[in-house]
Amino acid sequence: MNVWVFAYGSLIWRPDFKFLERRQARVRGWQRRFWQGSHDHRGVPKQPGRVVTLVPESSAHCDGMAYLLESEVAHRTFEVLDHREKNGYERVAVCVEFSSTEQVDGIMYIAPTDNHAFLGPAPLDDMVAQIRTCEGPSGKNVDYLFELADALRALDADDSHVFELEAAVRTGLEK
C-alpha cells in the first residue's frame, strides 16, 4: 500500500527520497514551532540549533507538502527518514488534507515535548540569538530558517511564528 508523508520543515524543500507524487497539503490541530533542538543537523551537542516541530493546538493548522511513497520503497524510505529525524522525532499518524473535500491518511514526524532535545518556547530575542550563532553538519541554522520561510512563501502559506522569527533574524544580520 502506498503511503503519504506530510512535511512541514526541511522536507518541504529537500526531501532527499523518491516519491510518486508531491502535493501541497495541510494538517489541522497542529502548529509549527521552532522549539526543537538540533544537535545533529543545524547545531552541535554543546550548541544546539533550533528547528521546527509541530505542537498540538486545536484551532490551528499547518501547511506543508505531502509526498506519496510507493509501497515497495516505503520501508526503506522510512529507515532513511528515521535516521534523518533521529534527534527526538517520532512518527505519528495524521489526516492530511489536500482540500476541504479530499483527505488521506498519512504519516508525519513530530518531536514530542518530552524528548531529550526539546527546547520549548523562549523569548524571541533568545531564539534569534541562538539561530544566528548555531551551525552543524547540515549547515547554518539561519539558512534553515530562511529556506523554510522561502518554502512557505512559495506555498502561499501563512505562518506568523516563522515569519516573525525570520524578520527578527534578518534585521539583526543587516545591522
N, C-alpha and C. Protein backbone atom coordinates (compact mmCIF):
# COMPACT_ATOMS: atom_id res chain seq x y z
N MET A 1 0.84 -1.18 0.00
CA MET A 1 0.00 0.00 0.00
C MET A 1 0.88 1.25 0.00
N ASN A 2 0.59 2.18 -0.87
CA ASN A 2 1.32 3.44 -0.91
C ASN A 2 0.99 4.26 0.33
N VAL A 3 1.89 5.16 0.72
CA VAL A 3 1.69 5.94 1.94
C VAL A 3 2.10 7.39 1.71
N TRP A 4 1.33 8.30 2.31
CA TRP A 4 1.63 9.73 2.24
C TRP A 4 2.46 10.14 3.45
N VAL A 5 3.45 10.99 3.21
CA VAL A 5 4.27 11.57 4.27
C VAL A 5 4.06 13.08 4.24
N PHE A 6 3.67 13.66 5.37
CA PHE A 6 3.46 15.10 5.47
C PHE A 6 4.75 15.77 5.94
N ALA A 7 5.15 16.82 5.23
CA ALA A 7 6.38 17.55 5.52
C ALA A 7 6.05 18.99 5.89
N TYR A 8 6.67 19.50 6.95
CA TYR A 8 6.42 20.87 7.39
C TYR A 8 7.70 21.64 7.66
N GLY A 9 8.85 20.99 7.56
CA GLY A 9 10.15 21.62 7.78
C GLY A 9 11.03 21.42 6.56
N SER A 10 12.26 20.98 6.78
CA SER A 10 13.22 20.85 5.68
C SER A 10 12.79 19.85 4.61
N LEU A 11 11.92 18.93 4.95
CA LEU A 11 11.44 18.00 3.92
C LEU A 11 10.62 18.71 2.85
N ILE A 12 10.14 19.92 3.12
CA ILE A 12 9.41 20.67 2.09
C ILE A 12 10.35 20.96 0.92
N TRP A 13 11.53 21.46 1.19
CA TRP A 13 12.42 21.86 0.11
C TRP A 13 13.54 20.86 -0.18
N ARG A 14 13.74 19.89 0.69
CA ARG A 14 14.81 18.92 0.48
C ARG A 14 14.38 17.53 0.95
N PRO A 15 13.49 16.89 0.19
CA PRO A 15 13.01 15.59 0.65
C PRO A 15 14.09 14.50 0.62
N ASP A 16 14.97 14.51 -0.35
CA ASP A 16 16.05 13.52 -0.45
C ASP A 16 15.56 12.07 -0.47
N PHE A 17 14.41 11.83 -1.05
CA PHE A 17 13.92 10.47 -1.25
C PHE A 17 13.02 10.47 -2.49
N LYS A 18 12.83 9.29 -3.05
CA LYS A 18 11.98 9.16 -4.24
C LYS A 18 10.52 9.13 -3.82
N PHE A 19 9.70 9.75 -4.63
CA PHE A 19 8.26 9.76 -4.36
C PHE A 19 7.51 9.71 -5.67
N LEU A 20 6.28 9.24 -5.59
CA LEU A 20 5.42 9.15 -6.76
C LEU A 20 4.74 10.47 -7.08
N GLU A 21 4.42 11.19 -6.03
CA GLU A 21 3.66 12.43 -6.19
C GLU A 21 3.99 13.36 -5.04
N ARG A 22 3.93 14.66 -5.32
CA ARG A 22 4.17 15.70 -4.31
C ARG A 22 3.02 16.70 -4.44
N ARG A 23 2.36 16.98 -3.30
CA ARG A 23 1.22 17.91 -3.33
C ARG A 23 1.24 18.81 -2.11
N GLN A 24 0.80 20.05 -2.32
CA GLN A 24 0.62 20.95 -1.19
C GLN A 24 -0.47 20.37 -0.30
N ALA A 25 -0.25 20.47 1.01
CA ALA A 25 -1.18 19.83 1.94
C ALA A 25 -1.26 20.61 3.24
N ARG A 26 -2.18 20.18 4.08
CA ARG A 26 -2.41 20.82 5.38
C ARG A 26 -2.77 19.75 6.40
N VAL A 27 -2.34 19.99 7.64
CA VAL A 27 -2.83 19.19 8.76
C VAL A 27 -3.48 20.14 9.75
N ARG A 28 -4.57 19.69 10.34
CA ARG A 28 -5.31 20.53 11.31
C ARG A 28 -5.01 20.05 12.73
N GLY A 29 -5.09 21.02 13.65
CA GLY A 29 -4.87 20.69 15.06
C GLY A 29 -3.40 20.75 15.47
N TRP A 30 -2.56 21.28 14.59
CA TRP A 30 -1.12 21.39 14.86
C TRP A 30 -0.60 22.76 14.46
N GLN A 31 0.41 23.24 15.19
CA GLN A 31 1.09 24.47 14.81
C GLN A 31 2.60 24.24 14.80
N ARG A 32 3.25 24.87 13.83
CA ARG A 32 4.69 24.74 13.63
C ARG A 32 5.40 25.69 14.61
N ARG A 33 6.42 25.18 15.29
CA ARG A 33 7.18 26.00 16.24
C ARG A 33 8.66 25.64 16.19
N PHE A 34 9.51 26.63 16.33
CA PHE A 34 10.97 26.45 16.42
C PHE A 34 11.33 26.10 17.86
N TRP A 35 10.87 24.96 18.31
CA TRP A 35 11.05 24.57 19.70
C TRP A 35 11.88 23.30 19.87
N GLN A 36 12.37 22.73 18.78
CA GLN A 36 13.15 21.51 18.87
C GLN A 36 14.64 21.83 18.71
N GLY A 37 15.45 21.25 19.57
CA GLY A 37 16.89 21.41 19.46
C GLY A 37 17.44 20.53 18.35
N SER A 38 18.46 21.04 17.68
CA SER A 38 19.14 20.27 16.64
C SER A 38 20.61 20.14 17.02
N HIS A 39 20.95 18.97 17.54
CA HIS A 39 22.32 18.68 17.94
C HIS A 39 23.10 18.01 16.82
N ASP A 40 22.38 17.63 15.75
CA ASP A 40 23.00 16.79 14.72
C ASP A 40 22.89 17.34 13.31
N HIS A 41 22.12 18.39 13.09
CA HIS A 41 21.99 18.96 11.74
C HIS A 41 22.31 20.45 11.71
N ARG A 42 21.64 21.24 12.50
CA ARG A 42 21.80 22.71 12.46
C ARG A 42 22.44 23.26 13.72
N GLY A 43 23.08 22.35 14.44
CA GLY A 43 23.82 22.71 15.64
C GLY A 43 24.66 21.52 16.05
N VAL A 44 25.28 21.63 17.20
CA VAL A 44 26.12 20.56 17.75
C VAL A 44 25.70 20.35 19.20
N PRO A 45 26.13 19.24 19.82
CA PRO A 45 25.66 18.95 21.18
C PRO A 45 25.84 20.10 22.18
N LYS A 46 26.95 20.81 22.12
CA LYS A 46 27.16 21.89 23.10
C LYS A 46 26.50 23.20 22.69
N GLN A 47 26.06 23.28 21.44
CA GLN A 47 25.38 24.48 20.96
C GLN A 47 24.31 24.07 19.94
N PRO A 48 23.19 23.54 20.45
CA PRO A 48 22.15 23.08 19.53
C PRO A 48 21.47 24.24 18.81
N GLY A 49 21.15 23.99 17.54
CA GLY A 49 20.34 24.95 16.81
C GLY A 49 18.87 24.75 17.15
N ARG A 50 18.03 25.54 16.51
CA ARG A 50 16.58 25.42 16.68
C ARG A 50 15.96 25.06 15.34
N VAL A 51 15.14 24.02 15.35
CA VAL A 51 14.41 23.60 14.17
C VAL A 51 12.94 23.42 14.55
N VAL A 52 12.12 23.16 13.55
CA VAL A 52 10.68 23.11 13.82
C VAL A 52 10.20 21.72 14.22
N THR A 53 9.17 21.75 15.01
CA THR A 53 8.36 20.59 15.29
C THR A 53 6.91 21.08 15.24
N LEU A 54 5.99 20.17 15.37
CA LEU A 54 4.59 20.55 15.47
C LEU A 54 4.13 20.28 16.89
N VAL A 55 3.35 21.22 17.41
CA VAL A 55 2.76 21.05 18.73
C VAL A 55 1.25 21.13 18.58
N PRO A 56 0.53 20.37 19.39
CA PRO A 56 -0.93 20.37 19.25
C PRO A 56 -1.55 21.72 19.60
N GLU A 57 -2.50 22.12 18.80
CA GLU A 57 -3.29 23.34 19.03
C GLU A 57 -4.59 23.14 18.26
N SER A 58 -5.67 22.93 19.00
CA SER A 58 -6.94 22.51 18.37
C SER A 58 -7.43 23.46 17.29
N SER A 59 -7.20 24.75 17.42
CA SER A 59 -7.73 25.70 16.44
C SER A 59 -6.75 26.02 15.31
N ALA A 60 -5.58 25.42 15.33
CA ALA A 60 -4.54 25.75 14.36
C ALA A 60 -4.53 24.78 13.17
N HIS A 61 -3.76 25.17 12.18
CA HIS A 61 -3.45 24.27 11.07
C HIS A 61 -2.02 24.56 10.63
N CYS A 62 -1.43 23.62 9.92
CA CYS A 62 -0.08 23.76 9.43
C CYS A 62 -0.06 23.36 7.96
N ASP A 63 0.46 24.26 7.13
CA ASP A 63 0.58 23.99 5.70
C ASP A 63 1.97 23.45 5.40
N GLY A 64 2.03 22.55 4.43
CA GLY A 64 3.30 21.96 4.04
C GLY A 64 3.13 21.19 2.74
N MET A 65 3.95 20.16 2.58
CA MET A 65 3.91 19.31 1.40
C MET A 65 3.64 17.87 1.82
N ALA A 66 2.99 17.13 0.95
CA ALA A 66 2.79 15.70 1.18
C ALA A 66 3.42 14.96 0.02
N TYR A 67 4.09 13.87 0.35
CA TYR A 67 4.78 13.05 -0.63
C TYR A 67 4.18 11.64 -0.60
N LEU A 68 3.84 11.13 -1.76
CA LEU A 68 3.31 9.77 -1.86
C LEU A 68 4.46 8.81 -2.12
N LEU A 69 4.65 7.89 -1.18
CA LEU A 69 5.70 6.88 -1.30
C LEU A 69 5.10 5.61 -1.88
N GLU A 70 5.81 5.03 -2.82
CA GLU A 70 5.40 3.75 -3.39
C GLU A 70 5.61 2.66 -2.34
N SER A 71 4.67 1.77 -2.24
CA SER A 71 4.71 0.74 -1.20
C SER A 71 6.01 -0.05 -1.21
N GLU A 72 6.57 -0.32 -2.39
CA GLU A 72 7.79 -1.12 -2.49
C GLU A 72 9.01 -0.43 -1.89
N VAL A 73 9.00 0.89 -1.81
CA VAL A 73 10.17 1.62 -1.27
C VAL A 73 9.86 2.31 0.06
N ALA A 74 8.63 2.22 0.51
CA ALA A 74 8.24 2.94 1.74
C ALA A 74 9.06 2.49 2.94
N HIS A 75 9.26 1.20 3.11
CA HIS A 75 10.02 0.70 4.27
C HIS A 75 11.43 1.30 4.28
N ARG A 76 12.11 1.24 3.16
CA ARG A 76 13.47 1.79 3.07
C ARG A 76 13.46 3.31 3.27
N THR A 77 12.48 3.99 2.71
CA THR A 77 12.39 5.44 2.88
C THR A 77 12.19 5.79 4.34
N PHE A 78 11.36 5.04 5.05
CA PHE A 78 11.17 5.32 6.48
C PHE A 78 12.45 5.04 7.28
N GLU A 79 13.22 4.06 6.87
CA GLU A 79 14.52 3.84 7.53
C GLU A 79 15.41 5.07 7.39
N VAL A 80 15.45 5.63 6.18
CA VAL A 80 16.25 6.83 5.93
C VAL A 80 15.70 8.02 6.73
N LEU A 81 14.39 8.19 6.71
CA LEU A 81 13.78 9.30 7.45
C LEU A 81 13.94 9.13 8.96
N ASP A 82 13.82 7.90 9.45
CA ASP A 82 14.02 7.67 10.89
C ASP A 82 15.43 8.09 11.31
N HIS A 83 16.42 7.83 10.44
CA HIS A 83 17.79 8.25 10.75
C HIS A 83 17.90 9.78 10.68
N ARG A 84 17.33 10.37 9.64
CA ARG A 84 17.39 11.83 9.48
C ARG A 84 16.72 12.54 10.65
N GLU A 85 15.63 11.99 11.16
CA GLU A 85 14.84 12.61 12.21
C GLU A 85 15.12 11.99 13.58
N LYS A 86 16.29 11.44 13.77
CA LYS A 86 16.62 10.66 14.97
C LYS A 86 16.75 11.48 16.25
N ASN A 87 16.93 12.77 16.14
CA ASN A 87 17.19 13.58 17.33
C ASN A 87 15.90 14.03 18.02
N GLY A 88 15.07 13.05 18.43
CA GLY A 88 13.88 13.36 19.21
C GLY A 88 12.56 13.23 18.49
N TYR A 89 12.59 12.98 17.20
CA TYR A 89 11.35 12.89 16.43
C TYR A 89 10.81 11.46 16.42
N GLU A 90 9.51 11.36 16.28
CA GLU A 90 8.87 10.06 16.12
C GLU A 90 7.76 10.17 15.09
N ARG A 91 7.43 9.05 14.50
CA ARG A 91 6.35 9.01 13.50
C ARG A 91 5.00 9.00 14.18
N VAL A 92 4.06 9.75 13.62
CA VAL A 92 2.67 9.72 14.08
C VAL A 92 1.74 9.70 12.88
N ALA A 93 0.61 9.08 13.06
CA ALA A 93 -0.41 9.06 12.02
C ALA A 93 -1.14 10.40 12.02
N VAL A 94 -1.54 10.83 10.84
CA VAL A 94 -2.20 12.12 10.72
C VAL A 94 -3.15 12.11 9.52
N CYS A 95 -4.18 12.91 9.60
CA CYS A 95 -5.07 13.13 8.47
C CYS A 95 -4.51 14.29 7.65
N VAL A 96 -4.19 14.02 6.41
CA VAL A 96 -3.60 15.02 5.51
C VAL A 96 -4.70 15.54 4.59
N GLU A 97 -4.83 16.85 4.51
CA GLU A 97 -5.86 17.47 3.67
C GLU A 97 -5.22 18.08 2.43
N PHE A 98 -5.82 17.80 1.29
CA PHE A 98 -5.42 18.47 0.05
C PHE A 98 -6.43 19.56 -0.29
N SER A 99 -7.64 19.40 0.19
CA SER A 99 -8.71 20.39 0.04
C SER A 99 -9.75 20.06 1.10
N SER A 100 -10.76 20.85 1.17
CA SER A 100 -11.78 20.60 2.19
C SER A 100 -12.53 19.29 1.94
N THR A 101 -12.45 18.78 0.72
CA THR A 101 -13.16 17.54 0.41
C THR A 101 -12.24 16.36 0.15
N GLU A 102 -10.93 16.60 0.07
CA GLU A 102 -10.00 15.50 -0.21
C GLU A 102 -9.02 15.33 0.95
N GLN A 103 -9.14 14.22 1.64
CA GLN A 103 -8.28 13.91 2.78
C GLN A 103 -7.78 12.48 2.66
N VAL A 104 -6.54 12.26 3.17
CA VAL A 104 -5.96 10.92 3.16
C VAL A 104 -5.28 10.69 4.50
N ASP A 105 -5.08 9.43 4.82
CA ASP A 105 -4.27 9.08 5.99
C ASP A 105 -2.81 9.23 5.62
N GLY A 106 -2.02 9.72 6.57
CA GLY A 106 -0.61 9.90 6.31
C GLY A 106 0.21 9.73 7.57
N ILE A 107 1.51 9.94 7.41
CA ILE A 107 2.48 9.86 8.49
C ILE A 107 3.24 11.18 8.52
N MET A 108 3.56 11.65 9.71
CA MET A 108 4.45 12.80 9.86
C MET A 108 5.36 12.54 11.05
N TYR A 109 6.42 13.30 11.12
CA TYR A 109 7.36 13.22 12.23
C TYR A 109 7.17 14.44 13.11
N ILE A 110 7.03 14.21 14.41
CA ILE A 110 7.00 15.31 15.37
C ILE A 110 7.99 15.00 16.48
N ALA A 111 8.40 16.05 17.16
CA ALA A 111 9.29 15.91 18.31
C ALA A 111 8.45 16.21 19.55
N PRO A 112 8.01 15.19 20.26
CA PRO A 112 7.16 15.41 21.43
C PRO A 112 7.89 16.22 22.50
N THR A 113 7.12 16.88 23.32
CA THR A 113 7.70 17.77 24.34
C THR A 113 8.55 17.05 25.37
N ASP A 114 8.42 15.74 25.48
CA ASP A 114 9.21 15.01 26.46
C ASP A 114 10.48 14.38 25.87
N ASN A 115 10.84 14.74 24.64
CA ASN A 115 12.06 14.16 24.06
C ASN A 115 13.29 14.91 24.58
N HIS A 116 14.44 14.25 24.53
CA HIS A 116 15.68 14.77 25.12
C HIS A 116 16.16 16.08 24.51
N ALA A 117 15.76 16.40 23.28
CA ALA A 117 16.25 17.60 22.61
C ALA A 117 15.23 18.74 22.56
N PHE A 118 14.09 18.54 23.19
CA PHE A 118 13.05 19.58 23.13
C PHE A 118 13.49 20.81 23.92
N LEU A 119 13.45 21.97 23.27
CA LEU A 119 13.85 23.23 23.90
C LEU A 119 12.65 24.02 24.40
N GLY A 120 11.54 23.89 23.71
CA GLY A 120 10.34 24.61 24.10
C GLY A 120 10.39 26.08 23.72
N PRO A 121 9.37 26.81 24.15
CA PRO A 121 9.30 28.22 23.81
C PRO A 121 10.41 28.99 24.53
N ALA A 122 10.74 30.14 23.95
CA ALA A 122 11.72 31.04 24.55
C ALA A 122 11.40 32.45 24.06
N PRO A 123 11.90 33.46 24.75
CA PRO A 123 11.71 34.82 24.25
C PRO A 123 12.28 34.95 22.84
N LEU A 124 11.66 35.79 22.02
CA LEU A 124 12.07 35.97 20.63
C LEU A 124 13.56 36.31 20.54
N ASP A 125 14.04 37.22 21.34
CA ASP A 125 15.45 37.62 21.28
C ASP A 125 16.38 36.44 21.55
N ASP A 126 16.00 35.55 22.46
CA ASP A 126 16.83 34.38 22.76
C ASP A 126 16.86 33.41 21.58
N MET A 127 15.70 33.20 20.96
CA MET A 127 15.66 32.31 19.79
C MET A 127 16.47 32.90 18.64
N VAL A 128 16.35 34.19 18.45
CA VAL A 128 17.10 34.87 17.38
C VAL A 128 18.60 34.70 17.60
N ALA A 129 19.07 34.95 18.81
CA ALA A 129 20.50 34.82 19.11
C ALA A 129 20.98 33.39 18.87
N GLN A 130 20.18 32.43 19.28
CA GLN A 130 20.56 31.02 19.11
C GLN A 130 20.63 30.66 17.62
N ILE A 131 19.64 31.06 16.86
CA ILE A 131 19.60 30.72 15.44
C ILE A 131 20.72 31.42 14.68
N ARG A 132 21.04 32.63 15.04
CA ARG A 132 22.13 33.36 14.37
C ARG A 132 23.49 32.70 14.56
N THR A 133 23.72 32.09 15.69
CA THR A 133 25.06 31.61 16.02
C THR A 133 25.28 30.12 15.79
N CYS A 134 24.23 29.36 15.62
CA CYS A 134 24.40 27.90 15.54
C CYS A 134 24.67 27.42 14.12
N GLU A 135 25.48 26.38 14.06
CA GLU A 135 25.81 25.73 12.80
C GLU A 135 26.14 24.28 13.10
N GLY A 136 25.76 23.40 12.18
CA GLY A 136 26.02 21.97 12.35
C GLY A 136 26.40 21.33 11.04
N PRO A 137 26.45 20.02 11.01
CA PRO A 137 26.85 19.29 9.80
C PRO A 137 25.98 19.60 8.57
N SER A 138 24.72 19.97 8.76
CA SER A 138 23.85 20.29 7.63
C SER A 138 23.86 21.76 7.27
N GLY A 139 24.63 22.57 7.99
CA GLY A 139 24.74 23.98 7.66
C GLY A 139 24.32 24.89 8.79
N LYS A 140 24.23 26.16 8.44
CA LYS A 140 23.89 27.20 9.41
C LYS A 140 22.41 27.15 9.76
N ASN A 141 22.13 27.43 11.01
CA ASN A 141 20.74 27.46 11.48
C ASN A 141 19.95 28.56 10.78
N VAL A 142 20.59 29.70 10.50
CA VAL A 142 19.88 30.79 9.79
C VAL A 142 19.44 30.33 8.41
N ASP A 143 20.26 29.52 7.75
CA ASP A 143 19.88 29.03 6.42
C ASP A 143 18.64 28.16 6.48
N TYR A 144 18.55 27.33 7.52
CA TYR A 144 17.35 26.50 7.71
C TYR A 144 16.12 27.40 7.85
N LEU A 145 16.21 28.41 8.69
CA LEU A 145 15.09 29.34 8.90
C LEU A 145 14.71 30.03 7.59
N PHE A 146 15.70 30.55 6.87
CA PHE A 146 15.42 31.28 5.63
C PHE A 146 14.85 30.36 4.55
N GLU A 147 15.38 29.15 4.44
CA GLU A 147 14.85 28.19 3.46
C GLU A 147 13.40 27.85 3.78
N LEU A 148 13.10 27.66 5.06
CA LEU A 148 11.73 27.34 5.45
C LEU A 148 10.80 28.50 5.12
N ALA A 149 11.20 29.71 5.48
CA ALA A 149 10.36 30.88 5.19
C ALA A 149 10.12 31.02 3.69
N ASP A 150 11.17 30.84 2.88
CA ASP A 150 11.01 30.92 1.42
C ASP A 150 10.09 29.82 0.90
N ALA A 151 10.24 28.61 1.43
CA ALA A 151 9.38 27.49 1.00
C ALA A 151 7.92 27.76 1.36
N LEU A 152 7.68 28.34 2.52
CA LEU A 152 6.30 28.65 2.92
C LEU A 152 5.71 29.75 2.04
N ARG A 153 6.52 30.74 1.69
CA ARG A 153 6.03 31.78 0.79
C ARG A 153 5.67 31.17 -0.58
N ALA A 154 6.49 30.26 -1.05
CA ALA A 154 6.22 29.61 -2.34
C ALA A 154 4.90 28.84 -2.30
N LEU A 155 4.52 28.36 -1.12
CA LEU A 155 3.24 27.66 -0.95
C LEU A 155 2.10 28.63 -0.66
N ASP A 156 2.43 29.91 -0.53
CA ASP A 156 1.46 30.92 -0.11
C ASP A 156 0.87 30.55 1.25
N ALA A 157 1.73 30.02 2.12
CA ALA A 157 1.32 29.60 3.46
C ALA A 157 1.62 30.72 4.45
N ASP A 158 0.71 30.97 5.34
CA ASP A 158 0.89 31.99 6.36
C ASP A 158 1.31 31.31 7.66
N ASP A 159 2.47 31.70 8.18
CA ASP A 159 2.94 31.17 9.45
C ASP A 159 3.61 32.30 10.22
N SER A 160 2.84 32.96 11.07
CA SER A 160 3.34 34.15 11.77
C SER A 160 4.57 33.85 12.63
N HIS A 161 4.63 32.67 13.22
CA HIS A 161 5.77 32.30 14.06
C HIS A 161 7.07 32.28 13.24
N VAL A 162 7.03 31.61 12.11
CA VAL A 162 8.22 31.52 11.25
C VAL A 162 8.58 32.89 10.69
N PHE A 163 7.60 33.62 10.20
CA PHE A 163 7.89 34.91 9.56
C PHE A 163 8.35 35.97 10.56
N GLU A 164 7.82 35.94 11.78
CA GLU A 164 8.28 36.87 12.81
C GLU A 164 9.73 36.57 13.18
N LEU A 165 10.04 35.32 13.33
CA LEU A 165 11.40 34.91 13.66
C LEU A 165 12.35 35.27 12.52
N GLU A 166 11.94 35.00 11.30
CA GLU A 166 12.78 35.35 10.14
C GLU A 166 13.06 36.85 10.09
N ALA A 167 12.03 37.66 10.27
CA ALA A 167 12.21 39.12 10.22
C ALA A 167 13.18 39.58 11.31
N ALA A 168 13.04 39.04 12.50
CA ALA A 168 13.94 39.43 13.60
C ALA A 168 15.38 39.01 13.33
N VAL A 169 15.58 37.83 12.78
CA VAL A 169 16.94 37.38 12.46
C VAL A 169 17.53 38.22 11.35
N ARG A 170 16.76 38.49 10.30
CA ARG A 170 17.26 39.32 9.18
C ARG A 170 17.61 40.73 9.64
N THR A 171 16.78 41.31 10.51
CA THR A 171 17.04 42.66 11.00
C THR A 171 18.38 42.72 11.71
N GLY A 172 18.64 41.75 12.52
CA GLY A 172 19.92 41.72 13.24
C GLY A 172 21.11 41.51 12.33
N LEU A 173 20.93 40.76 11.25
CA LEU A 173 22.05 40.50 10.32
C LEU A 173 22.34 41.71 9.46
N GLU A 174 21.35 42.56 9.26
CA GLU A 174 21.54 43.75 8.39
C GLU A 174 22.23 44.88 9.10
N LYS A 175 22.33 44.82 10.40
CA LYS A 175 22.94 45.92 11.17
C LYS A 175 24.45 45.89 11.07
